[in-house]
Amino acid sequence: YQGERAYRSGDRERWPEDGDIEYMGRMHNIRIDEPTAERIKMQVGSALPELDNPPEDFVVVGPNKVTALPMTVPVSYQEIAHCLEKSVAKIENAVLQALEQTPPELYADIVKKGIFLAGGGALLHGLAKRLTDKIQIQFHVAEDPLHCVARGTGIALKNVNNFNFLIR
């Protein structure tokens, strides 16, 4: 999509030519850049509007879109949970669709052992709990979720002869 960027967690924000992220501009009249958006998501991004151990608000500092004067805006995990609601619902639906196509023997193993979340989206506060509650299968955050996929891919490539079924 031209002018849009898809984040790892699946949320989609429009990026106009000047680099503003529209949500913060619309809601708070503040201009932020991509690194700030990523820090907001990493520190207060949430899949649930209520958390047992909530993170502290993230204070955004940037120029006012109208006056260009500096401003600070505290952003809470509840606000980001609301912002990410549609994206998290899409993740839920994608998991349910994948489970519908899963062979019964593998499905039974998944129910017993659960599903491990990997990648940056796995770090979204409350995602594992929300998916567990919605899908009624235990979800776990993988150890070192940001690097585990790359490490696993490296292991598979080193042992490609043992994993012929992965290469088509």
C-alpha atoms as a PDB file:
ATOM      1  CA  TYR A   1       0.000   0.000   0.000  1.00  0.00           C
ATOM      2  CA  GLN A   2       1.533   3.252  -1.069  1.00  0.00           C
ATOM      3  CA  GLY A   3       1.873   5.706   1.798  1.00  0.00           C
ATOM      4  CA  GLU A   4       1.217   3.014   4.419  1.00  0.00           C
ATOM      5  CA  ARG A   5       3.502   0.904   6.571  1.00  0.00           C
ATOM      6  CA  ALA A   6       2.591  -2.399   8.197  1.00  0.00           C
ATOM      7  CA  TYR A   7       4.184  -2.869  11.592  1.00  0.00           C
ATOM      8  CA  ARG A   8       5.263  -6.272  12.877  1.00  0.00           C
ATOM      9  CA  SER A   9       2.212  -6.482  15.090  1.00  0.00           C
ATOM     10  CA  GLY A  10      -0.007  -6.133  12.050  1.00  0.00           C
ATOM     11  CA  ASP A  11      -1.268  -2.648  12.754  1.00  0.00           C
ATOM     12  CA  ARG A  12      -1.385  -0.355   9.770  1.00  0.00           C
ATOM     13  CA  GLU A  13      -0.706   3.354  10.061  1.00  0.00           C
ATOM     14  CA  ARG A  14      -0.701   5.783   7.175  1.00  0.00           C
ATOM     15  CA  TRP A  15       2.593   7.556   6.574  1.00  0.00           C
ATOM     16  CA  PRO A  16       2.112  10.763   4.584  1.00  0.00           C
ATOM     17  CA  GLU A  17       5.085  12.394   2.840  1.00  0.00           C
ATOM     18  CA  ASP A  18       6.037  14.456   5.919  1.00  0.00           C
ATOM     19  CA  GLY A  19       6.462  11.293   8.040  1.00  0.00           C
ATOM     20  CA  ASP A  20       3.660  11.951  10.545  1.00  0.00           C
ATOM     21  CA  ILE A  21       1.850   8.996  11.977  1.00  0.00           C
ATOM     22  CA  GLU A  22      -1.781   9.915  11.615  1.00  0.00           C
ATOM     23  CA  TYR A  23      -3.124   8.408  14.846  1.00  0.00           C
ATOM     24  CA  MET A  24      -1.013  10.621  17.095  1.00  0.00           C
ATOM     25  CA  GLY A  25      -1.706  13.589  14.862  1.00  0.00           C
ATOM     26  CA  ARG A  26      -5.452  12.970  14.862  1.00  0.00           C
ATOM     27  CA  MET A  27      -5.788  12.247  18.559  1.00  0.00           C
ATOM     28  CA  HIS A  28      -3.154  14.521  20.076  1.00  0.00           C
ATOM     29  CA  ASN A  29      -2.188  17.007  17.357  1.00  0.00           C
ATOM     30  CA  ILE A  30       1.454  15.942  17.712  1.00  0.00           C
ATOM     31  CA  ARG A  31       3.915  14.901  15.024  1.00  0.00           C
ATOM     32  CA  ILE A  32       6.049  11.799  15.660  1.00  0.00           C
ATOM     33  CA  ASP A  33       8.459   9.702  13.619  1.00  0.00           C
ATOM     34  CA  GLU A  34       8.790   5.939  13.094  1.00  0.00           C
ATOM     35  CA  PRO A  35      11.312   5.321  15.907  1.00  0.00           C
ATOM     36  CA  THR A  36       9.010   7.066  18.381  1.00  0.00           C
ATOM     37  CA  ALA A  37       6.034   5.021  17.149  1.00  0.00           C
ATOM     38  CA  GLU A  38       8.045   1.819  17.655  1.00  0.00           C
ATOM     39  CA  ARG A  39       9.053   2.880  21.192  1.00  0.00           C
ATOM     40  CA  ILE A  40       5.416   3.618  22.036  1.00  0.00           C
ATOM     41  CA  LYS A  41       4.372   0.187  20.763  1.00  0.00           C
ATOM     42  CA  MET A  42       7.203  -1.595  22.603  1.00  0.00           C
ATOM     43  CA  GLN A  43       6.662   0.183  25.928  1.00  0.00           C
ATOM     44  CA  VAL A  44       2.887   0.602  26.168  1.00  0.00           C
ATOM     45  CA  GLY A  45       1.475  -1.463  23.294  1.00  0.00           C
ATOM     46  CA  SER A  46      -1.273  -3.696  24.658  1.00  0.00           C
ATOM     47  CA  ALA A  47      -3.780  -6.236  23.393  1.00  0.00           C
ATOM     48  CA  LEU A  48      -5.926  -5.806  26.510  1.00  0.00           C
ATOM     49  CA  PRO A  49      -7.527  -2.684  28.005  1.00  0.00           C
ATOM     50  CA  GLU A  50      -6.819  -4.003  31.531  1.00  0.00           C
ATOM     51  CA  LEU A  51      -3.516  -5.561  32.583  1.00  0.00           C
ATOM     52  CA  ASP A  52      -2.424  -7.093  35.894  1.00  0.00           C
ATOM     53  CA  ASN A  53       0.964  -5.331  35.741  1.00  0.00           C
ATOM     54  CA  PRO A  54       0.392  -2.278  33.547  1.00  0.00           C
ATOM     55  CA  PRO A  55       3.353  -0.355  32.125  1.00  0.00           C
ATOM     56  CA  GLU A  56       3.784   3.297  32.998  1.00  0.00           C
ATOM     57  CA  ASP A  57       2.517   5.815  30.476  1.00  0.00           C
ATOM     58  CA  PHE A  58       4.900   6.680  27.656  1.00  0.00           C
ATOM     59  CA  VAL A  59       5.565  10.418  27.402  1.00  0.00           C
ATOM     60  CA  VAL A  60       5.760  11.548  23.790  1.00  0.00           C
ATOM     61  CA  VAL A  61       7.652  14.749  23.046  1.00  0.00           C
ATOM     62  CA  GLY A  62       7.239  16.381  19.675  1.00  0.00           C
ATOM     63  CA  PRO A  63       6.066  19.425  17.773  1.00  0.00           C
ATOM     64  CA  ASN A  64       2.449  20.511  17.747  1.00  0.00           C
ATOM     65  CA  LYS A  65       1.135  19.979  14.214  1.00  0.00           C
ATOM     66  CA  VAL A  66      -0.438  23.448  14.072  1.00  0.00           C
ATOM     67  CA  THR A  67       1.932  25.726  15.995  1.00  0.00           C
ATOM     68  CA  ALA A  68       5.181  23.696  15.766  1.00  0.00           C
ATOM     69  CA  LEU A  69       5.700  24.474  19.456  1.00  0.00           C
ATOM     70  CA  PRO A  70       7.047  21.610  21.572  1.00  0.00           C
ATOM     71  CA  MET A  71       4.504  19.552  23.451  1.00  0.00           C
ATOM     72  CA  THR A  72       4.411  16.477  25.643  1.00  0.00           C
ATOM     73  CA  VAL A  73       1.644  13.893  25.572  1.00  0.00           C
ATOM     74  CA  PRO A  74       1.351  10.939  27.969  1.00  0.00           C
ATOM     75  CA  VAL A  75       0.120   7.826  26.155  1.00  0.00           C
ATOM     76  CA  SER A  76      -1.340   4.951  28.188  1.00  0.00           C
ATOM     77  CA  TYR A  77      -1.486   1.268  27.380  1.00  0.00           C
ATOM     78  CA  GLN A  78      -5.308   1.526  27.436  1.00  0.00           C
ATOM     79  CA  GLU A  79      -5.196   4.080  24.619  1.00  0.00           C
ATOM     80  CA  ILE A  80      -2.865   1.906  22.549  1.00  0.00           C
ATOM     81  CA  ALA A  81      -5.031  -1.172  23.259  1.00  0.00           C
ATOM     82  CA  HIS A  82      -7.977   0.737  21.821  1.00  0.00           C
ATOM     83  CA  CYS A  83      -5.868   1.827  18.831  1.00  0.00           C
ATOM     84  CA  LEU A  84      -4.713  -1.773  18.153  1.00  0.00           C
ATOM     85  CA  GLU A  85      -8.117  -3.436  18.696  1.00  0.00           C
ATOM     86  CA  LYS A  86      -8.844  -4.091  15.010  1.00  0.00           C
ATOM     87  CA  SER A  87      -5.341  -5.428  14.386  1.00  0.00           C
ATOM     88  CA  VAL A  88      -5.473  -7.798  17.355  1.00  0.00           C
ATOM     89  CA  ALA A  89      -8.912  -9.011  16.257  1.00  0.00           C
ATOM     90  CA  LYS A  90      -7.371  -9.809  12.849  1.00  0.00           C
ATOM     91  CA  ILE A  91      -4.664 -11.843  14.590  1.00  0.00           C
ATOM     92  CA  GLU A  92      -7.358 -13.782  16.488  1.00  0.00           C
ATOM     93  CA  ASN A  93      -9.213 -14.508  13.260  1.00  0.00           C
ATOM     94  CA  ALA A  94      -6.035 -15.595  11.472  1.00  0.00           C
ATOM     95  CA  VAL A  95      -5.232 -18.050  14.290  1.00  0.00           C
ATOM     96  CA  LEU A  96      -8.771 -19.456  14.181  1.00  0.00           C
ATOM     97  CA  GLN A  97      -8.573 -19.869  10.397  1.00  0.00           C
ATOM     98  CA  ALA A  98      -5.239 -21.669  10.692  1.00  0.00           C
ATOM     99  CA  LEU A  99      -6.651 -23.967  13.379  1.00  0.00           C
ATOM    100  CA  GLU A 100      -9.655 -24.787  11.155  1.00  0.00           C
ATOM    101  CA  GLN A 101      -7.214 -26.126   8.538  1.00  0.00           C
ATOM    102  CA  THR A 102      -5.042 -28.029  11.010  1.00  0.00           C
ATOM    103  CA  PRO A 103      -5.094 -31.852  10.763  1.00  0.00           C
ATOM    104  CA  PRO A 104      -6.758 -33.485  13.818  1.00  0.00           C
ATOM    105  CA  GLU A 105      -3.583 -35.186  15.101  1.00  0.00           C
ATOM    106  CA  LEU A 106      -1.619 -31.935  15.054  1.00  0.00           C
ATOM    107  CA  TYR A 107      -4.611 -30.070  16.511  1.00  0.00           C
ATOM    108  CA  ALA A 108      -4.621 -32.436  19.503  1.00  0.00           C
ATOM    109  CA  ASP A 109      -0.917 -31.736  20.099  1.00  0.00           C
ATOM    110  CA  ILE A 110      -1.548 -27.994  19.892  1.00  0.00           C
ATOM    111  CA  VAL A 111      -4.337 -28.238  22.461  1.00  0.00           C
ATOM    112  CA  LYS A 112      -2.057 -30.192  24.829  1.00  0.00           C
ATOM    113  CA  LYS A 113       1.126 -28.138  24.408  1.00  0.00           C
ATOM    114  CA  GLY A 114      -0.192 -24.730  23.393  1.00  0.00           C
ATOM    115  CA  ILE A 115       1.000 -22.231  20.827  1.00  0.00           C
ATOM    116  CA  PHE A 116       4.203 -20.207  21.110  1.00  0.00           C
ATOM    117  CA  LEU A 117       4.245 -16.595  19.970  1.00  0.00           C
ATOM    118  CA  ALA A 118       7.443 -15.285  18.351  1.00  0.00           C
ATOM    119  CA  GLY A 119       8.602 -12.027  16.820  1.00  0.00           C
ATOM    120  CA  GLY A 120       8.006  -8.468  17.932  1.00  0.00           C
ATOM    121  CA  GLY A 121       4.242  -8.908  18.130  1.00  0.00           C
ATOM    122  CA  ALA A 122       4.752 -11.515  20.872  1.00  0.00           C
ATOM    123  CA  LEU A 123       5.952  -8.686  23.117  1.00  0.00           C
ATOM    124  CA  LEU A 124       2.622  -6.885  22.911  1.00  0.00           C
ATOM    125  CA  HIS A 125       1.406  -6.676  26.513  1.00  0.00           C
ATOM    126  CA  GLY A 126      -1.471  -9.087  27.142  1.00  0.00           C
ATOM    127  CA  LEU A 127      -1.488 -10.734  23.693  1.00  0.00           C
ATOM    128  CA  ALA A 128      -0.880 -14.272  24.973  1.00  0.00           C
ATOM    129  CA  LYS A 129      -3.605 -13.891  27.623  1.00  0.00           C
ATOM    130  CA  ARG A 130      -6.109 -12.434  25.173  1.00  0.00           C
ATOM    131  CA  LEU A 131      -5.512 -15.221  22.649  1.00  0.00           C
ATOM    132  CA  THR A 132      -5.680 -17.882  25.380  1.00  0.00           C
ATOM    133  CA  ASP A 133      -8.982 -16.489  26.669  1.00  0.00           C
ATOM    134  CA  LYS A 134     -10.504 -16.128  23.197  1.00  0.00           C
ATOM    135  CA  ILE A 135      -9.313 -19.379  21.589  1.00  0.00           C
ATOM    136  CA  GLN A 136      -9.207 -21.555  24.720  1.00  0.00           C
ATOM    137  CA  ILE A 137      -5.768 -22.927  23.880  1.00  0.00           C
ATOM    138  CA  GLN A 138      -2.764 -21.906  25.978  1.00  0.00           C
ATOM    139  CA  PHE A 139      -0.541 -19.309  24.291  1.00  0.00           C
ATOM    140  CA  HIS A 140       3.045 -18.782  25.457  1.00  0.00           C
ATOM    141  CA  VAL A 141       5.609 -16.130  24.595  1.00  0.00           C
ATOM    142  CA  ALA A 142       8.715 -17.848  23.235  1.00  0.00           C
ATOM    143  CA  GLU A 143      12.012 -17.379  25.011  1.00  0.00           C
ATOM    144  CA  ASP A 144      13.748 -14.434  23.304  1.00  0.00           C
ATOM    145  CA  PRO A 145      10.892 -13.931  20.822  1.00  0.00           C
ATOM    146  CA  LEU A 146      12.752 -11.339  18.754  1.00  0.00           C
ATOM    147  CA  HIS A 147      15.544 -13.750  17.810  1.00  0.00           C
ATOM    148  CA  CYS A 148      14.097 -17.259  18.102  1.00  0.00           C
ATOM    149  CA  VAL A 149      12.761 -17.405  14.528  1.00  0.00           C
ATOM    150  CA  ALA A 150      16.129 -16.399  13.078  1.00  0.00           C
ATOM    151  CA  ARG A 151      17.921 -18.952  15.270  1.00  0.00           C
ATOM    152  CA  GLY A 152      15.472 -21.691  14.259  1.00  0.00           C
ATOM    153  CA  THR A 153      15.873 -20.811  10.587  1.00  0.00           C
ATOM    154  CA  GLY A 154      19.639 -21.021  10.984  1.00  0.00           C
ATOM    155  CA  ILE A 155      19.360 -24.452  12.586  1.00  0.00           C
ATOM    156  CA  ALA A 156      17.053 -25.641   9.793  1.00  0.00           C
ATOM    157  CA  LEU A 157      19.452 -24.369   7.123  1.00  0.00           C
ATOM    158  CA  LYS A 158      22.426 -26.082   8.770  1.00  0.00           C
ATOM    159  CA  ASN A 159      20.432 -29.317   8.832  1.00  0.00           C
ATOM    160  CA  VAL A 160      18.618 -28.927   5.536  1.00  0.00           C
ATOM    161  CA  ASN A 161      19.026 -32.627   4.742  1.00  0.00           C
ATOM    162  CA  ASN A 162      16.995 -33.497   7.842  1.00  0.00           C
ATOM    163  CA  PHE A 163      14.211 -31.079   6.900  1.00  0.00           C
ATOM    164  CA  ASN A 164      13.463 -31.928   3.259  1.00  0.00           C
ATOM    165  CA  PHE A 165       9.732 -31.556   3.914  1.00  0.00           C
ATOM    166  CA  LEU A 166      10.276 -27.809   4.476  1.00  0.00           C
ATOM    167  CA  ILE A 167      11.780 -27.220   1.044  1.00  0.00           C
ATOM    168  CA  ARG A 168       9.455 -27.428  -1.927  1.00  0.00           C
END
